[in-house]
Amino acid sequence: MFACKRIIRAGVNVGSAISRQNSGVSLERASWLTVVVICAVAVVLLALADYTGYSIVVGAVGLAAAVNLT
């Protein structure tokens, strides 16, 4: 029973340390990253559907959004 309490306590400490490390992403950066990912998926789907011009335009929009990630 003592070993179980030790594992639970260690898990709580590790979990709180992990959550503190992952809180550094801002909402602005996450939203731009979402736009870039959606554009990348759209480029692939449009290219597979043989919409070359549209895929180039969406790719350019994705690249412009990616500039805001830096």
Protein backbone atom coordinates (compact mmCIF):
# COMPACT_ATOMS: atom_id res chain seq x y z
CA MET A 1 0.00 0.00 0.00
CA PHE A 2 2.89 2.36 0.72
CA ALA A 3 4.32 1.72 -2.76
CA CYS A 4 1.00 2.68 -4.37
CA LYS A 5 0.94 6.01 -2.55
CA ARG A 6 4.48 6.73 -3.68
CA ILE A 7 3.60 6.01 -7.34
CA ILE A 8 0.52 8.21 -7.17
CA ARG A 9 2.47 11.06 -5.63
CA ALA A 10 5.22 10.72 -8.23
CA GLY A 11 2.60 10.74 -11.00
CA VAL A 12 1.02 13.92 -9.70
CA ASN A 13 4.37 15.67 -9.49
CA VAL A 14 5.39 14.57 -12.98
CA GLY A 15 2.02 15.55 -14.41
CA SER A 16 2.15 19.03 -12.96
CA ALA A 17 5.69 19.51 -14.29
CA ILE A 18 4.61 18.47 -17.78
CA SER A 19 1.62 20.81 -17.80
CA ARG A 20 3.85 23.73 -16.81
CA GLN A 21 6.21 23.04 -19.71
CA ASN A 22 3.46 22.88 -22.36
CA SER A 23 1.79 26.18 -21.51
CA GLY A 24 4.12 28.29 -23.67
CA VAL A 25 2.10 28.26 -26.93
CA SER A 26 0.14 31.45 -27.44
CA LEU A 27 -3.33 31.50 -28.96
CA GLU A 28 -2.07 33.64 -31.84
CA ARG A 29 0.64 31.15 -32.78
CA ALA A 30 -1.75 28.20 -32.48
CA SER A 31 -4.27 29.88 -34.78
CA TRP A 32 -1.64 30.59 -37.45
CA LEU A 33 -0.40 27.03 -37.20
CA THR A 34 -3.96 25.80 -37.70
CA VAL A 35 -4.29 27.91 -40.86
CA VAL A 36 -1.01 26.52 -42.22
CA VAL A 37 -2.07 22.92 -41.57
CA ILE A 38 -5.49 23.43 -43.17
CA CYS A 39 -3.87 25.02 -46.22
CA ALA A 40 -1.42 22.13 -46.52
CA VAL A 41 -4.24 19.59 -46.46
CA ALA A 42 -6.23 21.65 -48.97
CA VAL A 43 -3.24 21.86 -51.32
CA VAL A 44 -2.89 18.08 -51.34
CA LEU A 45 -6.61 17.51 -51.90
CA LEU A 46 -6.83 20.14 -54.64
CA ALA A 47 -3.75 18.76 -56.39
CA LEU A 48 -5.19 15.24 -56.30
CA ALA A 49 -8.45 16.56 -57.79
CA ASP A 50 -6.42 18.18 -60.60
CA TYR A 51 -7.17 21.78 -59.59
CA THR A 52 -3.64 23.02 -60.19
CA GLY A 53 -4.29 26.77 -60.08
CA TYR A 54 -6.33 26.59 -56.90
CA SER A 55 -3.73 24.44 -55.18
CA ILE A 56 -1.01 26.97 -56.05
CA VAL A 57 -3.10 29.84 -54.66
CA VAL A 58 -3.92 27.96 -51.44
CA GLY A 59 -0.24 27.03 -51.12
CA ALA A 60 0.71 30.71 -51.40
CA VAL A 61 -1.83 31.58 -48.70
CA GLY A 62 -0.36 28.85 -46.48
CA LEU A 63 3.16 30.17 -47.01
CA ALA A 64 2.02 33.70 -46.18
CA ALA A 65 0.45 32.40 -42.98
CA ALA A 66 3.63 30.48 -42.15
CA VAL A 67 5.57 33.75 -42.18
CA ASN A 68 3.58 34.80 -39.10
CA LEU A 69 4.84 31.75 -37.15
CA THR A 70 8.34 33.14 -36.78
